[in-house]
Amino acid sequence: GGGLVQAGASLRLSCAASGRTFSRNSMGWFRQAP
């Protein structure tokens, strides 16, 4: 869901997990700029 947008726009990021279920686990988003 990432990409290039102009200021003021919207984006929706999604994260799909596989290999195990995380239904009982905390999840989060982080970011790193150059």
Full PDB file with SEQRES, HELIX, SHEET, SSBOND, CRYST1, ORIGX, SCALE, CONECT and MASTER records, all heavy atoms in Angstrom:
SEQRES   1 A   34  GLY GLY GLY LEU VAL GLN ALA GLY ALA SER LEU ARG LEU          
SEQRES   2 A   34  SER CYS ALA ALA SER GLY ARG THR PHE SER ARG ASN SER          
SEQRES   3 A   34  MET GLY TRP PHE ARG GLN ALA PRO                              
CRYST1    1.000    1.000    1.000  90.00  90.00  90.00 P 1           1          
ORIGX1      1.000000  0.000000  0.000000        0.00000                         
ORIGX2      0.000000  1.000000  0.000000        0.00000                         
ORIGX3      0.000000  0.000000  1.000000        0.00000                         
SCALE1      1.000000  0.000000  0.000000        0.00000                         
SCALE2      0.000000  1.000000  0.000000        0.00000                         
SCALE3      0.000000  0.000000  1.000000        0.00000                         
ATOM      1  N   GLY A   1       0.775  -1.237   0.000  1.00  0.00           N  
ATOM      2  CA  GLY A   1       0.000   0.000   0.000  1.00  0.00           C  
ATOM      3  C   GLY A   1       0.802   1.281   0.000  1.00  0.00           C  
ATOM      4  O   GLY A   1       0.225   2.373   0.005  1.00  0.00           O  
ATOM      5  N   GLY A   2       2.107   1.172   0.006  1.00  0.00           N  
ATOM      6  CA  GLY A   2       2.929   2.376   0.004  1.00  0.00           C  
ATOM      7  C   GLY A   2       2.934   3.046  -1.362  1.00  0.00           C  
ATOM      8  O   GLY A   2       2.298   2.578  -2.307  1.00  0.00           O  
ATOM      9  N   GLY A   3       3.659   4.164  -1.455  1.00  0.00           N  
ATOM     10  CA  GLY A   3       3.762   4.837  -2.737  1.00  0.00           C  
ATOM     11  C   GLY A   3       4.120   6.299  -2.594  1.00  0.00           C  
ATOM     12  O   GLY A   3       4.534   6.746  -1.521  1.00  0.00           O  
ATOM     13  N   LEU A   4       3.955   7.021  -3.693  1.00  0.00           N  
ATOM     14  CA  LEU A   4       4.262   8.450  -3.759  1.00  0.00           C  
ATOM     15  C   LEU A   4       2.957   9.227  -3.846  1.00  0.00           C  
ATOM     16  O   LEU A   4       2.135   8.970  -4.747  1.00  0.00           O  
ATOM     17  CB  LEU A   4       5.121   8.729  -4.985  1.00  0.00           C  
ATOM     18  CG  LEU A   4       5.352  10.193  -5.363  1.00  0.00           C  
ATOM     19  CD1 LEU A   4       6.113  10.912  -4.257  1.00  0.00           C  
ATOM     20  CD2 LEU A   4       6.087  10.298  -6.696  1.00  0.00           C  
ATOM     21  N   VAL A   5       2.771  10.160  -2.928  1.00  0.00           N  
ATOM     22  CA  VAL A   5       1.561  10.978  -2.923  1.00  0.00           C  
ATOM     23  C   VAL A   5       1.943  12.429  -2.633  1.00  0.00           C  
ATOM     24  O   VAL A   5       3.043  12.706  -2.167  1.00  0.00           O  
ATOM     25  CB  VAL A   5       0.528  10.504  -1.869  1.00  0.00           C  
ATOM     26  CG1 VAL A   5       0.030   9.104  -2.191  1.00  0.00           C  
ATOM     27  CG2 VAL A   5       1.121  10.571  -0.473  1.00  0.00           C  
ATOM     28  N   GLN A   6       1.005  13.313  -2.874  1.00  0.00           N  
ATOM     29  CA  GLN A   6       1.210  14.719  -2.560  1.00  0.00           C  
ATOM     30  C   GLN A   6       0.780  15.001  -1.126  1.00  0.00           C  
ATOM     31  O   GLN A   6      -0.047  14.272  -0.545  1.00  0.00           O  
ATOM     32  CB  GLN A   6       0.422  15.593  -3.522  1.00  0.00           C  
ATOM     33  CG  GLN A   6       0.974  15.585  -4.938  1.00  0.00           C  
ATOM     34  CD  GLN A   6       0.314  16.627  -5.817  1.00  0.00           C  
ATOM     35  OE1 GLN A   6      -0.848  16.962  -5.624  1.00  0.00           O  
ATOM     36  NE2 GLN A   6       1.062  17.143  -6.786  1.00  0.00           N  
ATOM     37  N   ALA A   7       1.308  16.062  -0.580  1.00  0.00           N  
ATOM     38  CA  ALA A   7       0.927  16.474   0.765  1.00  0.00           C  
ATOM     39  C   ALA A   7      -0.581  16.665   0.844  1.00  0.00           C  
ATOM     40  O   ALA A   7      -1.198  17.203  -0.076  1.00  0.00           O  
ATOM     41  CB  ALA A   7       1.648  17.761   1.142  1.00  0.00           C  
ATOM     42  N   GLY A   8      -1.160  16.189   1.941  1.00  0.00           N  
ATOM     43  CA  GLY A   8      -2.604  16.289   2.133  1.00  0.00           C  
ATOM     44  C   GLY A   8      -3.368  15.052   1.708  1.00  0.00           C  
ATOM     45  O   GLY A   8      -4.545  14.900   2.048  1.00  0.00           O  
ATOM     46  N   ALA A   9      -2.702  14.184   0.976  1.00  0.00           N  
ATOM     47  CA  ALA A   9      -3.360  12.966   0.489  1.00  0.00           C  
ATOM     48  C   ALA A   9      -3.406  11.892   1.577  1.00  0.00           C  
ATOM     49  O   ALA A   9      -2.890  12.083   2.687  1.00  0.00           O  
ATOM     50  CB  ALA A   9      -2.634  12.450  -0.741  1.00  0.00           C  
ATOM     51  N   SER A  10      -4.025  10.773   1.229  1.00  0.00           N  
ATOM     52  CA  SER A  10      -4.147   9.643   2.143  1.00  0.00           C  
ATOM     53  C   SER A  10      -3.555   8.387   1.525  1.00  0.00           C  
ATOM     54  O   SER A  10      -3.523   8.240   0.299  1.00  0.00           O  
ATOM     55  CB  SER A  10      -5.620   9.378   2.476  1.00  0.00           C  
ATOM     56  OG  SER A  10      -6.208  10.480   3.130  1.00  0.00           O  
ATOM     57  N   LEU A  11      -3.098   7.505   2.383  1.00  0.00           N  
ATOM     58  CA  LEU A  11      -2.646   6.178   1.989  1.00  0.00           C  
ATOM     59  C   LEU A  11      -3.078   5.197   3.065  1.00  0.00           C  
ATOM     60  O   LEU A  11      -3.187   5.568   4.239  1.00  0.00           O  
ATOM     61  CB  LEU A  11      -1.125   6.112   1.859  1.00  0.00           C  
ATOM     62  CG  LEU A  11      -0.454   6.558   0.575  1.00  0.00           C  
ATOM     63  CD1 LEU A  11       1.068   6.475   0.728  1.00  0.00           C  
ATOM     64  CD2 LEU A  11      -0.915   5.754  -0.620  1.00  0.00           C  
ATOM     65  N   ARG A  12      -3.269   3.958   2.656  1.00  0.00           N  
ATOM     66  CA  ARG A  12      -3.581   2.903   3.622  1.00  0.00           C  
ATOM     67  C   ARG A  12      -2.554   1.795   3.467  1.00  0.00           C  
ATOM     68  O   ARG A  12      -2.462   1.178   2.405  1.00  0.00           O  
ATOM     69  CB  ARG A  12      -4.988   2.354   3.409  1.00  0.00           C  
ATOM     70  CG  ARG A  12      -5.397   1.330   4.458  1.00  0.00           C  
ATOM     71  CD  ARG A  12      -6.831   0.873   4.226  1.00  0.00           C  
ATOM     72  NE  ARG A  12      -7.278  -0.096   5.210  1.00  0.00           N  
ATOM     73  CZ  ARG A  12      -7.777   0.213   6.393  1.00  0.00           C  
ATOM     74  NH1 ARG A  12      -7.910   1.487   6.752  1.00  0.00           N  
ATOM     75  NH2 ARG A  12      -8.166  -0.735   7.242  1.00  0.00           N  
ATOM     76  N   LEU A  13      -1.793   1.571   4.518  1.00  0.00           N  
ATOM     77  CA  LEU A  13      -0.836   0.475   4.537  1.00  0.00           C  
ATOM     78  C   LEU A  13      -1.490  -0.760   5.142  1.00  0.00           C  
ATOM     79  O   LEU A  13      -2.257  -0.659   6.101  1.00  0.00           O  
ATOM     80  CB  LEU A  13       0.395   0.841   5.354  1.00  0.00           C  
ATOM     81  CG  LEU A  13       1.181   2.074   4.919  1.00  0.00           C  
ATOM     82  CD1 LEU A  13       2.415   2.254   5.817  1.00  0.00           C  
ATOM     83  CD2 LEU A  13       1.590   1.990   3.465  1.00  0.00           C  
ATOM     84  N   SER A  14      -1.157  -1.897   4.575  1.00  0.00           N  
ATOM     85  CA  SER A  14      -1.632  -3.160   5.120  1.00  0.00           C  
ATOM     86  C   SER A  14      -0.450  -4.082   5.368  1.00  0.00           C  
ATOM     87  O   SER A  14       0.577  -3.984   4.686  1.00  0.00           O  
ATOM     88  CB  SER A  14      -2.618  -3.824   4.160  1.00  0.00           C  
ATOM     89  OG  SER A  14      -3.789  -3.054   4.029  1.00  0.00           O  
ATOM     90  N   CYS A  15      -0.607  -4.956   6.328  1.00  0.00           N  
ATOM     91  CA  CYS A  15       0.436  -5.924   6.654  1.00  0.00           C  
ATOM     92  C   CYS A  15      -0.225  -7.285   6.826  1.00  0.00           C  
ATOM     93  O   CYS A  15      -1.106  -7.443   7.692  1.00  0.00           O  
ATOM     94  CB  CYS A  15       1.156  -5.511   7.923  1.00  0.00           C  
ATOM     95  SG  CYS A  15       2.329  -6.728   8.561  1.00  0.00           S  
ATOM     96  N   ALA A  16       0.186  -8.224   6.008  1.00  0.00           N  
ATOM     97  CA  ALA A  16      -0.356  -9.579   6.071  1.00  0.00           C  
ATOM     98  C   ALA A  16       0.662 -10.497   6.719  1.00  0.00           C  
ATOM     99  O   ALA A  16       1.812 -10.565   6.271  1.00  0.00           O  
ATOM    100  CB  ALA A  16      -0.710 -10.069   4.679  1.00  0.00           C  
ATOM    101  N   ALA A  17       0.234 -11.194   7.750  1.00  0.00           N  
ATOM    102  CA  ALA A  17       1.112 -12.118   8.457  1.00  0.00           C  
ATOM    103  C   ALA A  17       0.836 -13.541   8.005  1.00  0.00           C  
ATOM    104  O   ALA A  17      -0.315 -13.908   7.743  1.00  0.00           O  
ATOM    105  CB  ALA A  17       0.900 -11.999   9.959  1.00  0.00           C  
ATOM    106  N   SER A  18       1.881 -14.331   7.936  1.00  0.00           N  
ATOM    107  CA  SER A  18       1.751 -15.746   7.596  1.00  0.00           C  
ATOM    108  C   SER A  18       2.749 -16.536   8.415  1.00  0.00           C  
ATOM    109  O   SER A  18       3.713 -15.996   8.955  1.00  0.00           O  
ATOM    110  CB  SER A  18       1.981 -15.961   6.103  1.00  0.00           C  
ATOM    111  OG  SER A  18       3.283 -15.570   5.736  1.00  0.00           O  
ATOM    112  N   GLY A  19       2.500 -17.819   8.529  1.00  0.00           N  
ATOM    113  CA  GLY A  19       3.388 -18.696   9.282  1.00  0.00           C  
ATOM    114  C   GLY A  19       2.945 -18.942  10.713  1.00  0.00           C  
ATOM    115  O   GLY A  19       3.382 -19.897  11.344  1.00  0.00           O  
ATOM    116  N   ARG A  20       2.148 -18.055  11.249  1.00  0.00           N  
ATOM    117  CA  ARG A  20       1.536 -18.221  12.568  1.00  0.00           C  
ATOM    118  C   ARG A  20       0.456 -17.165  12.716  1.00  0.00           C  
ATOM    119  O   ARG A  20       0.437 -16.161  11.994  1.00  0.00           O  
ATOM    120  CB  ARG A  20       2.550 -18.102  13.707  1.00  0.00           C  
ATOM    121  CG  ARG A  20       3.238 -16.756  13.806  1.00  0.00           C  
ATOM    122  CD  ARG A  20       3.912 -16.542  15.146  1.00  0.00           C  
ATOM    123  NE  ARG A  20       2.939 -16.270  16.209  1.00  0.00           N  
ATOM    124  CZ  ARG A  20       3.273 -16.088  17.487  1.00  0.00           C  
ATOM    125  NH1 ARG A  20       4.529 -16.193  17.867  1.00  0.00           N  
ATOM    126  NH2 ARG A  20       2.342 -15.822  18.384  1.00  0.00           N  
ATOM    127  N   THR A  21      -0.402 -17.365  13.674  1.00  0.00           N  
ATOM    128  CA  THR A  21      -1.428 -16.385  13.945  1.00  0.00           C  
ATOM    129  C   THR A  21      -0.962 -15.407  15.012  1.00  0.00           C  
ATOM    130  O   THR A  21      -0.231 -15.788  15.934  1.00  0.00           O  
ATOM    131  CB  THR A  21      -2.744 -17.058  14.390  1.00  0.00           C  
ATOM    132  OG1 THR A  21      -3.710 -16.037  14.665  1.00  0.00           O  
ATOM    133  CG2 THR A  21      -2.528 -17.887  15.648  1.00  0.00           C  
ATOM    134  N   PHE A  22      -1.380 -14.147  14.874  1.00  0.00           N  
ATOM    135  CA  PHE A  22      -1.027 -13.112  15.849  1.00  0.00           C  
ATOM    136  C   PHE A  22      -2.266 -12.575  16.566  1.00  0.00           C  
ATOM    137  O   PHE A  22      -2.259 -11.450  17.049  1.00  0.00           O  
ATOM    138  CB  PHE A  22      -0.269 -11.971  15.155  1.00  0.00           C  
ATOM    139  CG  PHE A  22       1.111 -12.364  14.743  1.00  0.00           C  
ATOM    140  CD1 PHE A  22       1.410 -12.677  13.425  1.00  0.00           C  
ATOM    141  CD2 PHE A  22       2.143 -12.437  15.678  1.00  0.00           C  
ATOM    142  CE1 PHE A  22       2.688 -13.051  13.037  1.00  0.00           C  
ATOM    143  CE2 PHE A  22       3.429 -12.800  15.305  1.00  0.00           C  
ATOM    144  CZ  PHE A  22       3.697 -13.119  13.981  1.00  0.00           C  
ATOM    145  N   SER A  23      -3.300 -13.368  16.628  1.00  0.00           N  
ATOM    146  CA  SER A  23      -4.563 -12.909  17.200  1.00  0.00           C  
ATOM    147  C   SER A  23      -4.474 -12.630  18.699  1.00  0.00           C  
ATOM    148  O   SER A  23      -5.357 -11.964  19.248  1.00  0.00           O  
ATOM    149  CB  SER A  23      -5.665 -13.928  16.926  1.00  0.00           C  
ATOM    150  OG  SER A  23      -5.339 -15.170  17.513  1.00  0.00           O  
ATOM    151  N   ARG A  24      -3.432 -13.106  19.356  1.00  0.00           N  
ATOM    152  CA  ARG A  24      -3.258 -12.847  20.789  1.00  0.00           C  
ATOM    153  C   ARG A  24      -2.028 -11.997  21.066  1.00  0.00           C  
ATOM    154  O   ARG A  24      -1.526 -11.949  22.197  1.00  0.00           O  
ATOM    155  CB  ARG A  24      -3.168 -14.176  21.549  1.00  0.00           C  
ATOM    156  CG  ARG A  24      -4.451 -14.974  21.534  1.00  0.00           C  
ATOM    157  CD  ARG A  24      -4.277 -16.319  22.220  1.00  0.00           C  
ATOM    158  NE  ARG A  24      -3.440 -17.225  21.448  1.00  0.00           N  
ATOM    159  CZ  ARG A  24      -3.083 -18.438  21.857  1.00  0.00           C  
ATOM    160  NH1 ARG A  24      -3.459 -18.867  23.045  1.00  0.00           N  
ATOM    161  NH2 ARG A  24      -2.348 -19.208  21.091  1.00  0.00           N  
ATOM    162  N   ASN A  25      -1.544 -11.297  20.024  1.00  0.00           N  
ATOM    163  CA  ASN A  25      -0.274 -10.574  20.119  1.00  0.00           C  
ATOM    164  C   ASN A  25      -0.414  -9.117  19.711  1.00  0.00           C  
ATOM    165  O   ASN A  25      -1.183  -8.794  18.807  1.00  0.00           O  
ATOM    166  CB  ASN A  25       0.764 -11.238  19.217  1.00  0.00           C  
ATOM    167  CG  ASN A  25       0.878 -12.724  19.441  1.00  0.00           C  
ATOM    168  OD1 ASN A  25       0.052 -13.487  18.939  1.00  0.00           O  
ATOM    169  ND2 ASN A  25       1.882 -13.133  20.186  1.00  0.00           N  
ATOM    170  N   SER A  26       0.359  -8.278  20.377  1.00  0.00           N  
ATOM    171  CA  SER A  26       0.415  -6.875  19.977  1.00  0.00           C  
ATOM    172  C   SER A  26       1.041  -6.740  18.597  1.00  0.00           C  
ATOM    173  O   SER A  26       1.920  -7.522  18.227  1.00  0.00           O  
ATOM    174  CB  SER A  26       1.259  -6.078  20.973  1.00  0.00           C  
ATOM    175  OG  SER A  26       0.720  -6.143  22.271  1.00  0.00           O  
ATOM    176  N   MET A  27       0.594  -5.735  17.880  1.00  0.00           N  
ATOM    177  CA  MET A  27       1.183  -5.429  16.579  1.00  0.00           C  
ATOM    178  C   MET A  27       1.371  -3.923  16.459  1.00  0.00           C  
ATOM    179  O   MET A  27       0.718  -3.150  17.168  1.00  0.00           O  
ATOM    180  CB  MET A  27       0.306  -5.953  15.445  1.00  0.00           C  
ATOM    181  CG  MET A  27       0.118  -7.460  15.486  1.00  0.00           C  
ATOM    182  SD  MET A  27      -0.698  -8.134  14.036  1.00  0.00           S  
ATOM    183  CE  MET A  27       0.667  -8.108  12.835  1.00  0.00           C  
ATOM    184  N   GLY A  28       2.276  -3.535  15.578  1.00  0.00           N  
ATOM    185  CA  GLY A  28       2.546  -2.106  15.468  1.00  0.00           C  
ATOM    186  C   GLY A  28       3.159  -1.719  14.136  1.00  0.00           C  
ATOM    187  O   GLY A  28       3.458  -2.567  13.294  1.00  0.00           O  
ATOM    188  N   TRP A  29       3.317  -0.407  13.990  1.00  0.00           N  
ATOM    189  CA  TRP A  29       3.971   0.174  12.822  1.00  0.00           C  
ATOM    190  C   TRP A  29       5.088   1.100  13.290  1.00  0.00           C  
ATOM    191  O   TRP A  29       4.911   1.878  14.235  1.00  0.00           O  
ATOM    192  CB  TRP A  29       2.975   0.975  11.980  1.00  0.00           C  
ATOM    193  CG  TRP A  29       1.980   0.140  11.251  1.00  0.00           C  
ATOM    194  CD1 TRP A  29       0.744  -0.241  11.664  1.00  0.00           C  
ATOM    195  CD2 TRP A  29       2.151  -0.431   9.951  1.00  0.00           C  
ATOM    196  NE1 TRP A  29       0.128  -1.009  10.718  1.00  0.00           N  
ATOM    197  CE2 TRP A  29       0.970  -1.138   9.639  1.00  0.00           C  
ATOM    198  CE3 TRP A  29       3.181  -0.411   8.996  1.00  0.00           C  
ATOM    199  CZ2 TRP A  29       0.783  -1.815   8.437  1.00  0.00           C  
ATOM    200  CZ3 TRP A  29       3.002  -1.082   7.806  1.00  0.00           C  
ATOM    201  CH2 TRP A  29       1.812  -1.774   7.532  1.00  0.00           C  
ATOM    202  N   PHE A  30       6.198   1.004  12.603  1.00  0.00           N  
ATOM    203  CA  PHE A  30       7.333   1.884  12.826  1.00  0.00           C  
ATOM    204  C   PHE A  30       7.738   2.480  11.485  1.00  0.00           C  
ATOM    205  O   PHE A  30       7.289   2.023  10.436  1.00  0.00           O  
ATOM    206  CB  PHE A  30       8.507   1.093  13.411  1.00  0.00           C  
ATOM    207  CG  PHE A  30       8.311   0.677  14.840  1.00  0.00           C  
ATOM    208  CD1 PHE A  30       7.432  -0.347  15.172  1.00  0.00           C  
ATOM    209  CD2 PHE A  30       9.004   1.301  15.870  1.00  0.00           C  
ATOM    210  CE1 PHE A  30       7.240  -0.734  16.486  1.00  0.00           C  
ATOM    211  CE2 PHE A  30       8.831   0.924  17.188  1.00  0.00           C  
ATOM    212  CZ  PHE A  30       7.949  -0.096  17.495  1.00  0.00           C  
ATOM    213  N   ARG A  31       8.581   3.496  11.535  1.00  0.00           N  
ATOM    214  CA  ARG A  31       9.093   4.074  10.290  1.00  0.00           C  
ATOM    215  C   ARG A  31      10.526   4.533  10.484  1.00  0.00           C  
ATOM    216  O   ARG A  31      10.967   4.806  11.604  1.00  0.00           O  
ATOM    217  CB  ARG A  31       8.215   5.223   9.820  1.00  0.00           C  
ATOM    218  CG  ARG A  31       8.236   6.456  10.717  1.00  0.00           C  
ATOM    219  CD  ARG A  31       7.206   7.477  10.230  1.00  0.00           C  
ATOM    220  NE  ARG A  31       7.233   8.702  11.034  1.00  0.00           N  
ATOM    221  CZ  ARG A  31       6.354   9.697  10.892  1.00  0.00           C  
ATOM    222  NH1 ARG A  31       5.385   9.614   9.977  1.00  0.00           N  
ATOM    223  NH2 ARG A  31       6.440  10.765  11.655  1.00  0.00           N  
ATOM    224  N   GLN A  32      11.218   4.610   9.357  1.00  0.00           N  
ATOM    225  CA  GLN A  32      12.607   5.060   9.388  1.00  0.00           C  
ATOM    226  C   GLN A  32      12.880   5.933   8.175  1.00  0.00           C  
ATOM    227  O   GLN A  32      12.751   5.492   7.029  1.00  0.00           O  
ATOM    228  CB  GLN A  32      13.569   3.868   9.403  1.00  0.00           C  
ATOM    229  CG  GLN A  32      15.012   4.255   9.614  1.00  0.00           C  
ATOM    230  CD  GLN A  32      15.883   3.052   9.940  1.00  0.00           C  
ATOM    231  OE1 GLN A  32      15.518   1.901   9.719  1.00  0.00           O  
ATOM    232  NE2 GLN A  32      17.060   3.313  10.490  1.00  0.00           N  
ATOM    233  N   ALA A  33      13.222   7.176   8.450  1.00  0.00           N  
ATOM    234  CA  ALA A  33      13.577   8.122   7.389  1.00  0.00           C  
ATOM    235  C   ALA A  33      15.085   8.055   7.149  1.00  0.00           C  
ATOM    236  O   ALA A  33      15.835   7.638   8.031  1.00  0.00           O  
ATOM    237  CB  ALA A  33      13.159   9.533   7.792  1.00  0.00           C  
ATOM    238  N   PRO A  34      15.536   8.473   5.980  1.00  0.00           N  
ATOM    239  CA  PRO A  34      16.976   8.433   5.676  1.00  0.00           C  
ATOM    240  C   PRO A  34      17.793   9.191   6.721  1.00  0.00           C  
ATOM    241  O   PRO A  34      17.466  10.329   7.064  1.00  0.00           O  
ATOM    242  CB  PRO A  34      17.058   9.110   4.311  1.00  0.00           C  
ATOM    243  CG  PRO A  34      15.731   8.876   3.701  1.00  0.00           C  
ATOM    244  CD  PRO A  34      14.753   8.934   4.824  1.00  0.00           C  
TER     245      PRO A  34                                                      
MASTER        0    0    0    0    0    0    0    6  244    1    0    3          
END                                                                             
